[in-house]
Amino acid sequence: MNPYIALTRPGNVLLTAVAVVAGSYIAAGDDILDFQVEIMIASLAAMMLVGGGNALNDYNDRESDKENHPNRPIPAGLISADETLVYSRVLLSAGLLIVLFGLANKLPFIIALIGTVTLISYENKLKALGLSGNIAVGFMSGAVFLYAGMVVSDPGPTLWMFGLAFLATVAREIVKDIQDLEGDTDRFTLPARIGIAKSLFITGILLIVAWSLSFTAITQFSGMASNAYAIGVSIANVVMLVGFQNARNGDYFSGQKKIKQGMGVAMLAFIAAAGL
């Protein structure tokens, strides 16, 4: 894969675009067709911001990635650190400019700007502090849905997805920190501070709160939509539960992947319910 594409982590970039479209649909329903141009612009900008953020992450993690992720472009020698930094700045700047000048509604730009500032703060300081860095990542993940709701001028219905994405992402980030514990000698992560067992306990609490919140969202739907959402979110919660159990058994890679997959299923549950 071309190193410039690999730096953006295209899977995450595409998932971001899907999240923007999904959030817009959850907020606007069938009226989403009235915002086709705005959603395309917002999706493009979000993809560039996420891609730029991932490139910046690879730049800052270039030393620890020699052990944790040796196949990434910088440790693999496919691109230099300086080129990566310039590339990340170009993507981040372009993403902000697109949403600023491409949309008449400036609320999405405000969310994008806050998210970008949070991202830079995370990469420059918060990441090394452990839990505060995990919280920053959780905010950025959930903010995508608020951003999408603002694109269609109705962020209210996306607040549930913001909460679920925030909690589940913080839980997943803790598991990822456990996975990378041996190589993260330059970070003061939660597992490094309090140990793996206590970190997993906190992960479990976060997921329980997320699962509880997911079921309270049933009240937002009625009839077939309510049933469809209940079934979909139940499946999502089971997938995340399996991920948590995998992490407890020491398979941290599978655990954090399953939590991410559960988040995707939950998003599909919201989409299905919004369409009924």
C-alpha atoms as a PDB file:
ATOM      1  CA  MET A   1       0.000   0.000   0.000  1.00  0.00           C
ATOM      2  CA  ASN A   2       1.193   3.522  -0.761  1.00  0.00           C
ATOM      3  CA  PRO A   3       2.706   4.915   2.473  1.00  0.00           C
ATOM      4  CA  TYR A   4       0.716   8.153   2.196  1.00  0.00           C
ATOM      5  CA  ILE A   5      -2.497   6.153   2.089  1.00  0.00           C
ATOM      6  CA  ALA A   6      -1.341   3.790   4.833  1.00  0.00           C
ATOM      7  CA  LEU A   7      -0.544   6.721   7.135  1.00  0.00           C
ATOM      8  CA  THR A   8      -4.185   7.808   7.098  1.00  0.00           C
ATOM      9  CA  ARG A   9      -5.365   4.289   8.059  1.00  0.00           C
ATOM     10  CA  PRO A  10      -7.944   4.115   5.249  1.00  0.00           C
ATOM     11  CA  GLY A  11     -10.237   1.773   7.143  1.00  0.00           C
ATOM     12  CA  ASN A  12     -10.689   4.364   9.906  1.00  0.00           C
ATOM     13  CA  VAL A  13     -11.055   7.141   7.331  1.00  0.00           C
ATOM     14  CA  LEU A  14     -13.839   5.319   5.501  1.00  0.00           C
ATOM     15  CA  LEU A  15     -15.529   4.454   8.794  1.00  0.00           C
ATOM     16  CA  THR A  16     -15.516   8.167   9.644  1.00  0.00           C
ATOM     17  CA  ALA A  17     -17.336   8.988   6.405  1.00  0.00           C
ATOM     18  CA  VAL A  18     -19.877   6.261   7.185  1.00  0.00           C
ATOM     19  CA  ALA A  19     -20.314   7.722  10.679  1.00  0.00           C
ATOM     20  CA  VAL A  20     -20.999  11.188   9.241  1.00  0.00           C
ATOM     21  CA  VAL A  21     -23.624   9.826   6.849  1.00  0.00           C
ATOM     22  CA  ALA A  22     -25.107   7.643   9.570  1.00  0.00           C
ATOM     23  CA  GLY A  23     -25.237  10.486  12.080  1.00  0.00           C
ATOM     24  CA  SER A  24     -26.876  12.720   9.501  1.00  0.00           C
ATOM     25  CA  TYR A  25     -29.487  10.063   8.780  1.00  0.00           C
ATOM     26  CA  ILE A  26     -30.161   9.447  12.468  1.00  0.00           C
ATOM     27  CA  ALA A  27     -30.728  13.192  12.908  1.00  0.00           C
ATOM     28  CA  ALA A  28     -32.609  14.009   9.705  1.00  0.00           C
ATOM     29  CA  GLY A  29     -34.282  10.741   8.674  1.00  0.00           C
ATOM     30  CA  ASP A  30     -35.718  10.872   5.167  1.00  0.00           C
ATOM     31  CA  ASP A  31     -34.934  14.608   5.019  1.00  0.00           C
ATOM     32  CA  ILE A  32     -31.281  13.658   4.584  1.00  0.00           C
ATOM     33  CA  LEU A  33     -31.814  14.006   0.829  1.00  0.00           C
ATOM     34  CA  ASP A  34     -32.148  17.758   1.352  1.00  0.00           C
ATOM     35  CA  PHE A  35     -28.555  17.888   2.635  1.00  0.00           C
ATOM     36  CA  GLN A  36     -26.709  15.772   0.075  1.00  0.00           C
ATOM     37  CA  VAL A  37     -24.133  18.425  -0.850  1.00  0.00           C
ATOM     38  CA  GLU A  38     -23.518  19.447   2.762  1.00  0.00           C
ATOM     39  CA  ILE A  39     -23.010  15.813   3.806  1.00  0.00           C
ATOM     40  CA  MET A  40     -20.553  15.189   0.971  1.00  0.00           C
ATOM     41  CA  ILE A  41     -18.519  18.255   1.966  1.00  0.00           C
ATOM     42  CA  ALA A  42     -18.652  17.365   5.663  1.00  0.00           C
ATOM     43  CA  SER A  43     -17.649  13.751   4.958  1.00  0.00           C
ATOM     44  CA  LEU A  44     -14.666  14.801   2.839  1.00  0.00           C
ATOM     45  CA  ALA A  45     -13.497  17.238   5.514  1.00  0.00           C
ATOM     46  CA  ALA A  46     -13.920  14.644   8.282  1.00  0.00           C
ATOM     47  CA  MET A  47     -11.943  12.070   6.291  1.00  0.00           C
ATOM     48  CA  MET A  48      -9.075  14.508   5.839  1.00  0.00           C
ATOM     49  CA  LEU A  49      -9.077  15.457   9.518  1.00  0.00           C
ATOM     50  CA  VAL A  50      -9.035  11.842  10.650  1.00  0.00           C
ATOM     51  CA  GLY A  51      -6.369  10.972   8.084  1.00  0.00           C
ATOM     52  CA  GLY A  52      -4.249  13.895   9.229  1.00  0.00           C
ATOM     53  CA  GLY A  53      -4.711  12.907  12.840  1.00  0.00           C
ATOM     54  CA  ASN A  54      -3.629   9.336  12.131  1.00  0.00           C
ATOM     55  CA  ALA A  55      -0.543  10.564  10.281  1.00  0.00           C
ATOM     56  CA  LEU A  56       0.315  12.822  13.224  1.00  0.00           C
ATOM     57  CA  ASN A  57      -0.138   9.842  15.529  1.00  0.00           C
ATOM     58  CA  ASP A  58       2.343   7.810  13.488  1.00  0.00           C
ATOM     59  CA  TYR A  59       4.825  10.684  13.620  1.00  0.00           C
ATOM     60  CA  ASN A  60       4.625  10.988  17.396  1.00  0.00           C
ATOM     61  CA  ASP A  61       4.681   7.201  17.934  1.00  0.00           C
ATOM     62  CA  ARG A  62       7.586   6.576  15.567  1.00  0.00           C
ATOM     63  CA  GLU A  63       9.880   5.319  18.351  1.00  0.00           C
ATOM     64  CA  SER A  64       7.437   3.061  20.218  1.00  0.00           C
ATOM     65  CA  ASP A  65       6.088   1.746  16.886  1.00  0.00           C
ATOM     66  CA  LYS A  66       9.486   0.151  16.233  1.00  0.00           C
ATOM     67  CA  GLU A  67       8.374  -2.450  18.771  1.00  0.00           C
ATOM     68  CA  ASN A  68       4.580  -2.146  18.890  1.00  0.00           C
ATOM     69  CA  HIS A  69       3.817  -1.687  15.170  1.00  0.00           C
ATOM     70  CA  PRO A  70       6.995  -2.260  13.107  1.00  0.00           C
ATOM     71  CA  ASN A  71       5.050  -2.581   9.836  1.00  0.00           C
ATOM     72  CA  ARG A  72       3.751   0.986   9.923  1.00  0.00           C
ATOM     73  CA  PRO A  73       5.220   3.298   7.240  1.00  0.00           C
ATOM     74  CA  ILE A  74       7.787   5.171   9.375  1.00  0.00           C
ATOM     75  CA  PRO A  75       9.411   2.246  11.236  1.00  0.00           C
ATOM     76  CA  ALA A  76       9.241   0.205   8.020  1.00  0.00           C
ATOM     77  CA  GLY A  77      11.327   2.889   6.286  1.00  0.00           C
ATOM     78  CA  LEU A  78       8.688   3.672   3.651  1.00  0.00           C
ATOM     79  CA  ILE A  79       8.486   7.379   4.504  1.00  0.00           C
ATOM     80  CA  SER A  80      10.469   9.786   6.663  1.00  0.00           C
ATOM     81  CA  ALA A  81       9.236  11.295   9.912  1.00  0.00           C
ATOM     82  CA  ASP A  82       9.573  14.844   8.530  1.00  0.00           C
ATOM     83  CA  GLU A  83       7.506  13.996   5.447  1.00  0.00           C
ATOM     84  CA  THR A  84       4.859  12.464   7.686  1.00  0.00           C
ATOM     85  CA  LEU A  85       4.639  15.601   9.834  1.00  0.00           C
ATOM     86  CA  VAL A  86       4.212  17.868   6.800  1.00  0.00           C
ATOM     87  CA  TYR A  87       1.610  15.509   5.346  1.00  0.00           C
ATOM     88  CA  SER A  88      -0.402  15.509   8.588  1.00  0.00           C
ATOM     89  CA  ARG A  89      -0.394  19.318   8.719  1.00  0.00           C
ATOM     90  CA  VAL A  90      -1.593  19.566   5.124  1.00  0.00           C
ATOM     91  CA  LEU A  91      -4.472  17.172   5.736  1.00  0.00           C
ATOM     92  CA  LEU A  92      -5.557  18.829   8.985  1.00  0.00           C
ATOM     93  CA  SER A  93      -5.436  22.321   7.491  1.00  0.00           C
ATOM     94  CA  ALA A  94      -7.270  21.262   4.347  1.00  0.00           C
ATOM     95  CA  GLY A  95      -9.992  19.534   6.348  1.00  0.00           C
ATOM     96  CA  LEU A  96     -10.686  22.624   8.438  1.00  0.00           C
ATOM     97  CA  LEU A  97     -10.679  24.931   5.407  1.00  0.00           C
ATOM     98  CA  ILE A  98     -13.098  22.689   3.512  1.00  0.00           C
ATOM     99  CA  VAL A  99     -15.664  22.664   6.310  1.00  0.00           C
ATOM    100  CA  LEU A 100     -15.183  26.385   7.027  1.00  0.00           C
ATOM    101  CA  PHE A 101     -15.683  27.627   3.475  1.00  0.00           C
ATOM    102  CA  GLY A 102     -17.741  24.749   2.081  1.00  0.00           C
ATOM    103  CA  LEU A 103     -20.668  24.964   4.513  1.00  0.00           C
ATOM    104  CA  ALA A 104     -22.878  27.984   5.153  1.00  0.00           C
ATOM    105  CA  ASN A 105     -23.693  26.592   8.607  1.00  0.00           C
ATOM    106  CA  LYS A 106     -20.630  27.237  10.768  1.00  0.00           C
ATOM    107  CA  LEU A 107     -21.583  24.947  13.662  1.00  0.00           C
ATOM    108  CA  PRO A 108     -19.879  21.898  12.098  1.00  0.00           C
ATOM    109  CA  PHE A 109     -16.700  23.972  11.782  1.00  0.00           C
ATOM    110  CA  ILE A 110     -16.791  24.743  15.500  1.00  0.00           C
ATOM    111  CA  ILE A 111     -17.006  21.027  16.338  1.00  0.00           C
ATOM    112  CA  ALA A 112     -14.271  20.252  13.799  1.00  0.00           C
ATOM    113  CA  LEU A 113     -12.039  22.951  15.261  1.00  0.00           C
ATOM    114  CA  ILE A 114     -12.587  21.741  18.840  1.00  0.00           C
ATOM    115  CA  GLY A 115     -11.884  18.197  17.688  1.00  0.00           C
ATOM    116  CA  THR A 116      -8.673  19.248  15.933  1.00  0.00           C
ATOM    117  CA  VAL A 117      -7.446  21.186  18.981  1.00  0.00           C
ATOM    118  CA  THR A 118      -8.255  18.148  21.134  1.00  0.00           C
ATOM    119  CA  LEU A 119      -6.367  15.935  18.692  1.00  0.00           C
ATOM    120  CA  ILE A 120      -3.251  18.100  18.724  1.00  0.00           C
ATOM    121  CA  SER A 121      -3.396  18.362  22.528  1.00  0.00           C
ATOM    122  CA  TYR A 122      -3.732  14.605  22.719  1.00  0.00           C
ATOM    123  CA  GLU A 123      -0.743  13.962  20.477  1.00  0.00           C
ATOM    124  CA  ASN A 124       1.463  16.584  22.137  1.00  0.00           C
ATOM    125  CA  LYS A 125       0.637  15.971  25.811  1.00  0.00           C
ATOM    126  CA  LEU A 126      -2.543  14.138  26.788  1.00  0.00           C
ATOM    127  CA  LYS A 127      -1.575  10.833  25.182  1.00  0.00           C
ATOM    128  CA  ALA A 128       1.352  10.406  27.559  1.00  0.00           C
ATOM    129  CA  LEU A 129      -0.897  11.023  30.575  1.00  0.00           C
ATOM    130  CA  GLY A 130      -2.977   7.894  30.161  1.00  0.00           C
ATOM    131  CA  LEU A 131      -6.650   8.209  31.121  1.00  0.00           C
ATOM    132  CA  SER A 132      -6.959  11.865  30.110  1.00  0.00           C
ATOM    133  CA  GLY A 133      -5.688  10.859  26.684  1.00  0.00           C
ATOM    134  CA  ASN A 134      -8.223   8.031  26.504  1.00  0.00           C
ATOM    135  CA  ILE A 135     -10.979  10.509  27.363  1.00  0.00           C
ATOM    136  CA  ALA A 136      -9.777  12.839  24.599  1.00  0.00           C
ATOM    137  CA  VAL A 137      -9.972  10.013  22.057  1.00  0.00           C
ATOM    138  CA  GLY A 138     -13.442   9.121  23.323  1.00  0.00           C
ATOM    139  CA  PHE A 139     -14.587  12.715  22.869  1.00  0.00           C
ATOM    140  CA  MET A 140     -13.230  12.838  19.328  1.00  0.00           C
ATOM    141  CA  SER A 141     -14.988   9.588  18.415  1.00  0.00           C
ATOM    142  CA  GLY A 142     -18.323  10.739  19.781  1.00  0.00           C
ATOM    143  CA  ALA A 143     -17.984  14.253  18.361  1.00  0.00           C
ATOM    144  CA  VAL A 144     -18.255  12.829  14.839  1.00  0.00           C
ATOM    145  CA  PHE A 145     -21.954  12.209  15.475  1.00  0.00           C
ATOM    146  CA  LEU A 146     -22.556  15.677  16.914  1.00  0.00           C
ATOM    147  CA  TYR A 147     -20.738  17.081  13.883  1.00  0.00           C
ATOM    148  CA  ALA A 148     -23.011  15.085  11.578  1.00  0.00           C
ATOM    149  CA  GLY A 149     -26.132  16.247  13.404  1.00  0.00           C
ATOM    150  CA  MET A 150     -25.043  19.863  13.059  1.00  0.00           C
ATOM    151  CA  VAL A 151     -24.505  19.393   9.329  1.00  0.00           C
ATOM    152  CA  VAL A 152     -28.264  18.728   9.011  1.00  0.00           C
ATOM    153  CA  SER A 153     -29.056  21.386  11.660  1.00  0.00           C
ATOM    154  CA  ASP A 154     -30.414  18.921  14.250  1.00  0.00           C
ATOM    155  CA  PRO A 155     -27.753  17.481  16.580  1.00  0.00           C
ATOM    156  CA  GLY A 156     -30.243  16.451  19.287  1.00  0.00           C
ATOM    157  CA  PRO A 157     -30.929  12.882  18.061  1.00  0.00           C
ATOM    158  CA  THR A 158     -27.192  12.187  17.814  1.00  0.00           C
ATOM    159  CA  LEU A 159     -26.525  12.834  21.506  1.00  0.00           C
ATOM    160  CA  TRP A 160     -27.194   9.162  22.283  1.00  0.00           C
ATOM    161  CA  MET A 161     -24.589   8.029  19.763  1.00  0.00           C
ATOM    162  CA  PHE A 162     -22.147  10.589  21.158  1.00  0.00           C
ATOM    163  CA  GLY A 163     -22.529   9.105  24.642  1.00  0.00           C
ATOM    164  CA  LEU A 164     -22.238   5.501  23.496  1.00  0.00           C
ATOM    165  CA  ALA A 165     -19.255   6.179  21.250  1.00  0.00           C
ATOM    166  CA  PHE A 166     -17.522   8.154  23.998  1.00  0.00           C
ATOM    167  CA  LEU A 167     -17.870   5.455  26.670  1.00  0.00           C
ATOM    168  CA  ALA A 168     -17.092   2.491  24.423  1.00  0.00           C
ATOM    169  CA  THR A 169     -14.092   4.231  22.873  1.00  0.00           C
ATOM    170  CA  VAL A 170     -12.568   5.111  26.252  1.00  0.00           C
ATOM    171  CA  ALA A 171     -13.010   1.455  27.252  1.00  0.00           C
ATOM    172  CA  ARG A 172     -11.372   0.286  24.019  1.00  0.00           C
ATOM    173  CA  GLU A 173      -8.468   2.707  24.407  1.00  0.00           C
ATOM    174  CA  ILE A 174      -7.723   1.321  27.874  1.00  0.00           C
ATOM    175  CA  VAL A 175      -7.598  -2.200  26.434  1.00  0.00           C
ATOM    176  CA  LYS A 176      -5.298  -0.956  23.648  1.00  0.00           C
ATOM    177  CA  ASP A 177      -3.017   0.557  26.283  1.00  0.00           C
ATOM    178  CA  ILE A 178      -2.852  -2.817  28.011  1.00  0.00           C
ATOM    179  CA  GLN A 179      -2.020  -4.411  24.661  1.00  0.00           C
ATOM    180  CA  ASP A 180       0.841  -1.931  24.085  1.00  0.00           C
ATOM    181  CA  LEU A 181       2.010  -1.839  27.694  1.00  0.00           C
ATOM    182  CA  GLU A 182       5.392  -3.436  27.050  1.00  0.00           C
ATOM    183  CA  GLY A 183       6.357  -1.013  24.279  1.00  0.00           C
ATOM    184  CA  ASP A 184       4.844   2.159  25.757  1.00  0.00           C
ATOM    185  CA  THR A 185       7.835   3.016  27.928  1.00  0.00           C
ATOM    186  CA  ASP A 186       7.402   6.730  27.160  1.00  0.00           C
ATOM    187  CA  ARG A 187       3.751   6.912  28.250  1.00  0.00           C
ATOM    188  CA  PHE A 188       2.198   7.050  31.713  1.00  0.00           C
ATOM    189  CA  THR A 189      -0.869   5.027  30.749  1.00  0.00           C
ATOM    190  CA  LEU A 190      -3.579   3.823  33.089  1.00  0.00           C
ATOM    191  CA  PRO A 191      -2.367   0.171  33.025  1.00  0.00           C
ATOM    192  CA  ALA A 192       1.166   1.364  33.795  1.00  0.00           C
ATOM    193  CA  ARG A 193      -0.120   3.356  36.774  1.00  0.00           C
ATOM    194  CA  ILE A 194      -2.643   1.022  38.392  1.00  0.00           C
ATOM    195  CA  GLY A 195      -2.016  -2.346  36.752  1.00  0.00           C
ATOM    196  CA  ILE A 196      -3.863  -4.513  34.267  1.00  0.00           C
ATOM    197  CA  ALA A 197      -6.488  -5.939  36.641  1.00  0.00           C
ATOM    198  CA  LYS A 198      -7.711  -2.561  37.888  1.00  0.00           C
ATOM    199  CA  SER A 199      -7.639  -1.138  34.349  1.00  0.00           C
ATOM    200  CA  LEU A 200      -9.864  -3.981  33.168  1.00  0.00           C
ATOM    201  CA  PHE A 201     -12.211  -3.298  36.083  1.00  0.00           C
ATOM    202  CA  ILE A 202     -12.584   0.330  34.947  1.00  0.00           C
ATOM    203  CA  THR A 203     -13.096  -0.894  31.386  1.00  0.00           C
ATOM    204  CA  GLY A 204     -15.925  -3.103  32.592  1.00  0.00           C
ATOM    205  CA  ILE A 205     -17.602  -0.230  34.464  1.00  0.00           C
ATOM    206  CA  LEU A 206     -17.450   1.982  31.354  1.00  0.00           C
ATOM    207  CA  LEU A 207     -18.994  -0.726  29.201  1.00  0.00           C
ATOM    208  CA  ILE A 208     -21.772  -1.376  31.723  1.00  0.00           C
ATOM    209  CA  VAL A 209     -22.668   2.330  31.675  1.00  0.00           C
ATOM    210  CA  ALA A 210     -22.563   2.293  27.869  1.00  0.00           C
ATOM    211  CA  TRP A 211     -24.825  -0.767  27.735  1.00  0.00           C
ATOM    212  CA  SER A 212     -27.288   0.857  30.153  1.00  0.00           C
ATOM    213  CA  LEU A 213     -27.330   4.060  28.112  1.00  0.00           C
ATOM    214  CA  SER A 214     -27.910   2.088  24.922  1.00  0.00           C
ATOM    215  CA  PHE A 215     -31.105   0.563  26.286  1.00  0.00           C
ATOM    216  CA  THR A 216     -32.452   3.872  27.582  1.00  0.00           C
ATOM    217  CA  ALA A 217     -32.303   5.118  23.987  1.00  0.00           C
ATOM    218  CA  ILE A 218     -35.140   2.706  23.131  1.00  0.00           C
ATOM    219  CA  THR A 219     -37.531   5.398  24.361  1.00  0.00           C
ATOM    220  CA  GLN A 220     -36.537   7.500  21.332  1.00  0.00           C
ATOM    221  CA  PHE A 221     -38.307   5.033  19.015  1.00  0.00           C
ATOM    222  CA  SER A 222     -41.729   3.384  18.803  1.00  0.00           C
ATOM    223  CA  GLY A 223     -43.354   0.378  17.165  1.00  0.00           C
ATOM    224  CA  MET A 224     -41.197  -1.593  14.730  1.00  0.00           C
ATOM    225  CA  ALA A 225     -38.389   0.938  15.087  1.00  0.00           C
ATOM    226  CA  SER A 226     -38.222   0.277  18.822  1.00  0.00           C
ATOM    227  CA  ASN A 227     -38.079  -3.498  18.274  1.00  0.00           C
ATOM    228  CA  ALA A 228     -35.446  -3.206  15.562  1.00  0.00           C
ATOM    229  CA  TYR A 229     -33.285  -0.997  17.742  1.00  0.00           C
ATOM    230  CA  ALA A 230     -33.645  -3.284  20.771  1.00  0.00           C
ATOM    231  CA  ILE A 231     -32.550  -6.325  18.771  1.00  0.00           C
ATOM    232  CA  GLY A 232     -29.676  -4.498  17.073  1.00  0.00           C
ATOM    233  CA  VAL A 233     -28.288  -2.880  20.205  1.00  0.00           C
ATOM    234  CA  SER A 234     -28.577  -6.156  22.117  1.00  0.00           C
ATOM    235  CA  ILE A 235     -26.375  -7.808  19.480  1.00  0.00           C
ATOM    236  CA  ALA A 236     -23.949  -4.889  19.721  1.00  0.00           C
ATOM    237  CA  ASN A 237     -23.718  -5.248  23.479  1.00  0.00           C
ATOM    238  CA  VAL A 238     -23.107  -8.998  23.228  1.00  0.00           C
ATOM    239  CA  VAL A 239     -20.251  -8.386  20.764  1.00  0.00           C
ATOM    240  CA  MET A 240     -18.680  -5.864  23.145  1.00  0.00           C
ATOM    241  CA  LEU A 241     -19.186  -8.269  26.060  1.00  0.00           C
ATOM    242  CA  VAL A 242     -17.306 -10.946  24.124  1.00  0.00           C
ATOM    243  CA  GLY A 243     -14.548  -8.407  23.504  1.00  0.00           C
ATOM    244  CA  PHE A 244     -14.332  -7.578  27.190  1.00  0.00           C
ATOM    245  CA  GLN A 245     -14.173 -11.266  28.070  1.00  0.00           C
ATOM    246  CA  ASN A 246     -11.390 -11.755  25.507  1.00  0.00           C
ATOM    247  CA  ALA A 247      -9.442  -8.939  27.155  1.00  0.00           C
ATOM    248  CA  ARG A 248      -9.952 -10.496  30.584  1.00  0.00           C
ATOM    249  CA  ASN A 249      -8.524 -13.722  29.170  1.00  0.00           C
ATOM    250  CA  GLY A 250      -5.412 -11.897  27.959  1.00  0.00           C
ATOM    251  CA  ASP A 251      -6.330 -11.580  24.266  1.00  0.00           C
ATOM    252  CA  TYR A 252      -6.205  -7.793  24.230  1.00  0.00           C
ATOM    253  CA  PHE A 253      -5.974  -7.429  20.445  1.00  0.00           C
ATOM    254  CA  SER A 254      -9.162  -9.418  19.869  1.00  0.00           C
ATOM    255  CA  GLY A 255     -10.794  -7.681  22.837  1.00  0.00           C
ATOM    256  CA  GLN A 256     -10.329  -4.128  21.581  1.00  0.00           C
ATOM    257  CA  LYS A 257     -11.317  -5.192  18.036  1.00  0.00           C
ATOM    258  CA  LYS A 258     -14.555  -6.738  19.281  1.00  0.00           C
ATOM    259  CA  ILE A 259     -15.428  -3.593  21.234  1.00  0.00           C
ATOM    260  CA  LYS A 260     -14.925  -1.560  18.058  1.00  0.00           C
ATOM    261  CA  GLN A 261     -17.088  -3.992  16.087  1.00  0.00           C
ATOM    262  CA  GLY A 262     -19.802  -3.722  18.721  1.00  0.00           C
ATOM    263  CA  MET A 263     -19.775   0.050  18.307  1.00  0.00           C
ATOM    264  CA  GLY A 264     -20.320  -0.453  14.573  1.00  0.00           C
ATOM    265  CA  VAL A 265     -23.278  -2.756  15.186  1.00  0.00           C
ATOM    266  CA  ALA A 266     -24.789  -0.203  17.587  1.00  0.00           C
ATOM    267  CA  MET A 267     -24.507   2.458  14.896  1.00  0.00           C
ATOM    268  CA  LEU A 268     -26.316   0.156  12.454  1.00  0.00           C
ATOM    269  CA  ALA A 269     -29.053  -0.352  15.043  1.00  0.00           C
ATOM    270  CA  PHE A 270     -29.595   3.412  15.224  1.00  0.00           C
ATOM    271  CA  ILE A 271     -29.672   3.642  11.422  1.00  0.00           C
ATOM    272  CA  ALA A 272     -32.187   0.808  11.085  1.00  0.00           C
ATOM    273  CA  ALA A 273     -34.479   2.281  13.745  1.00  0.00           C
ATOM    274  CA  ALA A 274     -34.285   5.757  12.208  1.00  0.00           C
ATOM    275  CA  GLY A 275     -35.402   4.326   8.865  1.00  0.00           C
ATOM    276  CA  LEU A 276     -38.557   2.651  10.235  1.00  0.00           C
END
